[in-house]
Amino acid sequence: MDLVKEYNRIVCESLCDKPGEIRSYPVRITGTDYKPGMPVIEKIEEVLQLASKMT
């Protein structure tokens, strides 16, 4: 998880409010009615664990 946060910090440094942190507020996609769901830390960790087993 720390490595993913560090990648996010580097990539989003000038684009995000809090680069390297998991989003804790709702967002919208400009030009659409779509509203992405809030991230769930447990699900993110689960996906990262599954991904690490694939390598």
PDB file of N, CA and C in Angstrom:
ATOM      1  N   MET A   1       0.835  -1.196   0.000  1.00  0.00           N
ATOM      2  CA  MET A   1       0.000   0.000   0.000  1.00  0.00           C
ATOM      3  C   MET A   1       0.875   1.254   0.000  1.00  0.00           C
ATOM      4  N   ASP A   2       1.967   1.228   0.753  1.00  0.00           N
ATOM      5  CA  ASP A   2       2.842   2.403   0.815  1.00  0.00           C
ATOM      6  C   ASP A   2       3.437   2.736  -0.547  1.00  0.00           C
ATOM      7  N   LEU A   3       3.797   1.704  -1.306  1.00  0.00           N
ATOM      8  CA  LEU A   3       4.374   1.923  -2.635  1.00  0.00           C
ATOM      9  C   LEU A   3       3.345   2.568  -3.567  1.00  0.00           C
ATOM     10  N   VAL A   4       2.111   2.110  -3.505  1.00  0.00           N
ATOM     11  CA  VAL A   4       1.054   2.681  -4.339  1.00  0.00           C
ATOM     12  C   VAL A   4       0.813   4.141  -3.960  1.00  0.00           C
ATOM     13  N   LYS A   5       0.804   4.433  -2.677  1.00  0.00           N
ATOM     14  CA  LYS A   5       0.622   5.819  -2.226  1.00  0.00           C
ATOM     15  C   LYS A   5       1.773   6.707  -2.712  1.00  0.00           C
ATOM     16  N   GLU A   6       2.984   6.166  -2.700  1.00  0.00           N
ATOM     17  CA  GLU A   6       4.141   6.949  -3.156  1.00  0.00           C
ATOM     18  C   GLU A   6       4.041   7.223  -4.655  1.00  0.00           C
ATOM     19  N   TYR A   7       3.649   6.213  -5.447  1.00  0.00           N
ATOM     20  CA  TYR A   7       3.436   6.438  -6.881  1.00  0.00           C
ATOM     21  C   TYR A   7       2.381   7.513  -7.090  1.00  0.00           C
ATOM     22  N   ASN A   8       1.283   7.419  -6.353  1.00  0.00           N
ATOM     23  CA  ASN A   8       0.224   8.412  -6.474  1.00  0.00           C
ATOM     24  C   ASN A   8       0.723   9.799  -6.104  1.00  0.00           C
ATOM     25  N   ARG A   9       1.533   9.899  -5.081  1.00  0.00           N
ATOM     26  CA  ARG A   9       2.072  11.191  -4.654  1.00  0.00           C
ATOM     27  C   ARG A   9       2.905  11.808  -5.770  1.00  0.00           C
ATOM     28  N   ILE A  10       3.744  10.991  -6.399  1.00  0.00           N
ATOM     29  CA  ILE A  10       4.619  11.492  -7.467  1.00  0.00           C
ATOM     30  C   ILE A  10       3.803  11.906  -8.697  1.00  0.00           C
ATOM     31  N   VAL A  11       2.892  11.049  -9.128  1.00  0.00           N
ATOM     32  CA  VAL A  11       2.120  11.310 -10.347  1.00  0.00           C
ATOM     33  C   VAL A  11       1.151  12.470 -10.166  1.00  0.00           C
ATOM     34  N   CYS A  12       0.543  12.570  -9.003  1.00  0.00           N
ATOM     35  CA  CYS A  12      -0.524  13.562  -8.792  1.00  0.00           C
ATOM     36  C   CYS A  12      -0.055  14.805  -8.034  1.00  0.00           C
ATOM     37  N   GLU A  13       1.234  14.961  -7.883  1.00  0.00           N
ATOM     38  CA  GLU A  13       1.773  16.048  -7.062  1.00  0.00           C
ATOM     39  C   GLU A  13       1.164  17.412  -7.393  1.00  0.00           C
ATOM     40  N   SER A  14       1.029  17.715  -8.677  1.00  0.00           N
ATOM     41  CA  SER A  14       0.494  19.033  -9.037  1.00  0.00           C
ATOM     42  C   SER A  14      -0.964  18.961  -9.502  1.00  0.00           C
ATOM     43  N   LEU A  15      -1.582  17.778  -9.422  1.00  0.00           N
ATOM     44  CA  LEU A  15      -2.942  17.603  -9.912  1.00  0.00           C
ATOM     45  C   LEU A  15      -3.984  17.394  -8.821  1.00  0.00           C
ATOM     46  N   CYS A  16      -3.583  16.878  -7.693  1.00  0.00           N
ATOM     47  CA  CYS A  16      -4.520  16.485  -6.632  1.00  0.00           C
ATOM     48  C   CYS A  16      -4.382  17.383  -5.412  1.00  0.00           C
ATOM     49  N   ASP A  17      -5.466  17.439  -4.633  1.00  0.00           N
ATOM     50  CA  ASP A  17      -5.427  18.207  -3.391  1.00  0.00           C
ATOM     51  C   ASP A  17      -4.467  17.594  -2.374  1.00  0.00           C
ATOM     52  N   LYS A  18      -4.513  16.270  -2.246  1.00  0.00           N
ATOM     53  CA  LYS A  18      -3.686  15.565  -1.266  1.00  0.00           C
ATOM     54  C   LYS A  18      -3.016  14.369  -1.934  1.00  0.00           C
ATOM     55  N   PRO A  19      -1.982  14.618  -2.751  1.00  0.00           N
ATOM     56  CA  PRO A  19      -1.331  13.497  -3.438  1.00  0.00           C
ATOM     57  C   PRO A  19      -0.752  12.499  -2.436  1.00  0.00           C
ATOM     58  N   GLY A  20      -0.917  11.223  -2.743  1.00  0.00           N
ATOM     59  CA  GLY A  20      -0.405  10.172  -1.869  1.00  0.00           C
ATOM     60  C   GLY A  20      -1.394   9.738  -0.814  1.00  0.00           C
ATOM     61  N   GLU A  21      -2.554  10.370  -0.761  1.00  0.00           N
ATOM     62  CA  GLU A  21      -3.582  10.008   0.221  1.00  0.00           C
ATOM     63  C   GLU A  21      -4.798   9.438  -0.504  1.00  0.00           C
ATOM     64  N   ILE A  22      -5.530   8.578   0.176  1.00  0.00           N
ATOM     65  CA  ILE A  22      -6.760   8.041  -0.388  1.00  0.00           C
ATOM     66  C   ILE A  22      -7.837   9.110  -0.274  1.00  0.00           C
ATOM     67  N   ARG A  23      -8.560   9.314  -1.350  1.00  0.00           N
ATOM     68  CA  ARG A  23      -9.593  10.347  -1.402  1.00  0.00           C
ATOM     69  C   ARG A  23     -10.626  10.131  -0.301  1.00  0.00           C
ATOM     70  N   SER A  24     -10.966  11.205   0.400  1.00  0.00           N
ATOM     71  CA  SER A  24     -11.926  11.116   1.501  1.00  0.00           C
ATOM     72  C   SER A  24     -13.125  12.041   1.297  1.00  0.00           C
ATOM     73  N   TYR A  25     -13.332  12.477   0.066  1.00  0.00           N
ATOM     74  CA  TYR A  25     -14.444  13.380  -0.236  1.00  0.00           C
ATOM     75  C   TYR A  25     -15.009  13.008  -1.609  1.00  0.00           C
ATOM     76  N   PRO A  26     -16.294  13.272  -1.823  1.00  0.00           N
ATOM     77  CA  PRO A  26     -16.901  12.912  -3.111  1.00  0.00           C
ATOM     78  C   PRO A  26     -16.360  13.779  -4.254  1.00  0.00           C
ATOM     79  N   VAL A  27     -16.325  13.195  -5.438  1.00  0.00           N
ATOM     80  CA  VAL A  27     -15.894  13.926  -6.631  1.00  0.00           C
ATOM     81  C   VAL A  27     -16.904  13.686  -7.745  1.00  0.00           C
ATOM     82  N   ARG A  28     -16.807  14.491  -8.784  1.00  0.00           N
ATOM     83  CA  ARG A  28     -17.653  14.340  -9.966  1.00  0.00           C
ATOM     84  C   ARG A  28     -16.769  14.350 -11.194  1.00  0.00           C
ATOM     85  N   ILE A  29     -17.279  13.787 -12.278  1.00  0.00           N
ATOM     86  CA  ILE A  29     -16.575  13.790 -13.547  1.00  0.00           C
ATOM     87  C   ILE A  29     -17.203  14.883 -14.403  1.00  0.00           C
ATOM     88  N   THR A  30     -16.440  15.898 -14.746  1.00  0.00           N
ATOM     89  CA  THR A  30     -16.946  17.034 -15.512  1.00  0.00           C
ATOM     90  C   THR A  30     -17.547  16.571 -16.831  1.00  0.00           C
ATOM     91  N   GLY A  31     -18.700  17.114 -17.160  1.00  0.00           N
ATOM     92  CA  GLY A  31     -19.358  16.806 -18.416  1.00  0.00           C
ATOM     93  C   GLY A  31     -20.243  15.569 -18.365  1.00  0.00           C
ATOM     94  N   THR A  32     -20.347  14.921 -17.207  1.00  0.00           N
ATOM     95  CA  THR A  32     -21.195  13.735 -17.069  1.00  0.00           C
ATOM     96  C   THR A  32     -21.995  13.833 -15.775  1.00  0.00           C
ATOM     97  N   ASP A  33     -22.928  12.921 -15.622  1.00  0.00           N
ATOM     98  CA  ASP A  33     -23.671  12.816 -14.371  1.00  0.00           C
ATOM     99  C   ASP A  33     -23.058  11.770 -13.452  1.00  0.00           C
ATOM    100  N   TYR A  34     -21.985  11.125 -13.918  1.00  0.00           N
ATOM    101  CA  TYR A  34     -21.358  10.038 -13.155  1.00  0.00           C
ATOM    102  C   TYR A  34     -20.660  10.576 -11.910  1.00  0.00           C
ATOM    103  N   LYS A  35     -20.902   9.912 -10.788  1.00  0.00           N
ATOM    104  CA  LYS A  35     -20.245  10.247  -9.522  1.00  0.00           C
ATOM    105  C   LYS A  35     -19.556   8.985  -9.015  1.00  0.00           C
ATOM    106  N   PRO A  36     -18.218   8.925  -9.086  1.00  0.00           N
ATOM    107  CA  PRO A  36     -17.516   7.733  -8.608  1.00  0.00           C
ATOM    108  C   PRO A  36     -17.791   7.499  -7.128  1.00  0.00           C
ATOM    109  N   GLY A  37     -17.877   6.245  -6.745  1.00  0.00           N
ATOM    110  CA  GLY A  37     -18.075   5.906  -5.339  1.00  0.00           C
ATOM    111  C   GLY A  37     -16.854   6.265  -4.505  1.00  0.00           C
ATOM    112  N   MET A  38     -17.048   6.289  -3.226  1.00  0.00           N
ATOM    113  CA  MET A  38     -15.950   6.565  -2.307  1.00  0.00           C
ATOM    114  C   MET A  38     -15.043   5.340  -2.219  1.00  0.00           C
ATOM    115  N   PRO A  39     -13.730   5.540  -2.172  1.00  0.00           N
ATOM    116  CA  PRO A  39     -12.823   4.406  -2.040  1.00  0.00           C
ATOM    117  C   PRO A  39     -12.980   3.749  -0.665  1.00  0.00           C
ATOM    118  N   VAL A  40     -12.843   2.427  -0.651  1.00  0.00           N
ATOM    119  CA  VAL A  40     -12.914   1.662   0.591  1.00  0.00           C
ATOM    120  C   VAL A  40     -11.529   1.062   0.820  1.00  0.00           C
ATOM    121  N   ILE A  41     -10.869   1.493   1.873  1.00  0.00           N
ATOM    122  CA  ILE A  41      -9.482   1.088   2.132  1.00  0.00           C
ATOM    123  C   ILE A  41      -9.336  -0.432   2.142  1.00  0.00           C
ATOM    124  N   GLU A  42     -10.274  -1.125   2.775  1.00  0.00           N
ATOM    125  CA  GLU A  42     -10.188  -2.587   2.847  1.00  0.00           C
ATOM    126  C   GLU A  42     -10.207  -3.222   1.457  1.00  0.00           C
ATOM    127  N   LYS A  43     -11.028  -2.701   0.560  1.00  0.00           N
ATOM    128  CA  LYS A  43     -11.095  -3.227  -0.806  1.00  0.00           C
ATOM    129  C   LYS A  43      -9.811  -2.928  -1.580  1.00  0.00           C
ATOM    130  N   ILE A  44      -9.265  -1.749  -1.371  1.00  0.00           N
ATOM    131  CA  ILE A  44      -8.011  -1.388  -2.033  1.00  0.00           C
ATOM    132  C   ILE A  44      -6.906  -2.331  -1.590  1.00  0.00           C
ATOM    133  N   GLU A  45      -6.823  -2.577  -0.296  1.00  0.00           N
ATOM    134  CA  GLU A  45      -5.801  -3.491   0.224  1.00  0.00           C
ATOM    135  C   GLU A  45      -5.994  -4.905  -0.310  1.00  0.00           C
ATOM    136  N   GLU A  46      -7.254  -5.343  -0.421  1.00  0.00           N
ATOM    137  CA  GLU A  46      -7.556  -6.673  -0.954  1.00  0.00           C
ATOM    138  C   GLU A  46      -7.087  -6.795  -2.403  1.00  0.00           C
ATOM    139  N   VAL A  47      -7.371  -5.789  -3.215  1.00  0.00           N
ATOM    140  CA  VAL A  47      -6.956  -5.801  -4.623  1.00  0.00           C
ATOM    141  C   VAL A  47      -5.432  -5.789  -4.725  1.00  0.00           C
ATOM    142  N   LEU A  48      -4.764  -4.999  -3.893  1.00  0.00           N
ATOM    143  CA  LEU A  48      -3.305  -4.954  -3.928  1.00  0.00           C
ATOM    144  C   LEU A  48      -2.697  -6.292  -3.528  1.00  0.00           C
ATOM    145  N   GLN A  49      -3.294  -6.973  -2.561  1.00  0.00           N
ATOM    146  CA  GLN A  49      -2.809  -8.298  -2.166  1.00  0.00           C
ATOM    147  C   GLN A  49      -2.964  -9.291  -3.302  1.00  0.00           C
ATOM    148  N   LEU A  50      -4.113  -9.264  -3.975  1.00  0.00           N
ATOM    149  CA  LEU A  50      -4.326 -10.149  -5.120  1.00  0.00           C
ATOM    150  C   LEU A  50      -3.340  -9.846  -6.241  1.00  0.00           C
ATOM    151  N   ALA A  51      -3.102  -8.566  -6.491  1.00  0.00           N
ATOM    152  CA  ALA A  51      -2.163  -8.171  -7.546  1.00  0.00           C
ATOM    153  C   ALA A  51      -0.744  -8.640  -7.217  1.00  0.00           C
ATOM    154  N   SER A  52      -0.359  -8.561  -5.962  1.00  0.00           N
ATOM    155  CA  SER A  52       1.002  -8.974  -5.591  1.00  0.00           C
ATOM    156  C   SER A  52       1.210 -10.470  -5.778  1.00  0.00           C
ATOM    157  N   LYS A  53       0.132 -11.256  -5.707  1.00  0.00           N
ATOM    158  CA  LYS A  53       0.227 -12.709  -5.914  1.00  0.00           C
ATOM    159  C   LYS A  53       0.364 -13.043  -7.397  1.00  0.00           C
ATOM    160  N   MET A  54       0.046 -12.100  -8.267  1.00  0.00           N
ATOM    161  CA  MET A  54       0.101 -12.350  -9.707  1.00  0.00           C
ATOM    162  C   MET A  54       1.513 -12.208 -10.263  1.00  0.00           C
ATOM    163  N   THR A  55       2.400 -11.610  -9.512  1.00  0.00           N
ATOM    164  CA  THR A  55       3.760 -11.403 -10.039  1.00  0.00           C
ATOM    165  C   THR A  55       4.688 -12.486  -9.591  1.00  0.00           C
TER     166      THR A  55
END
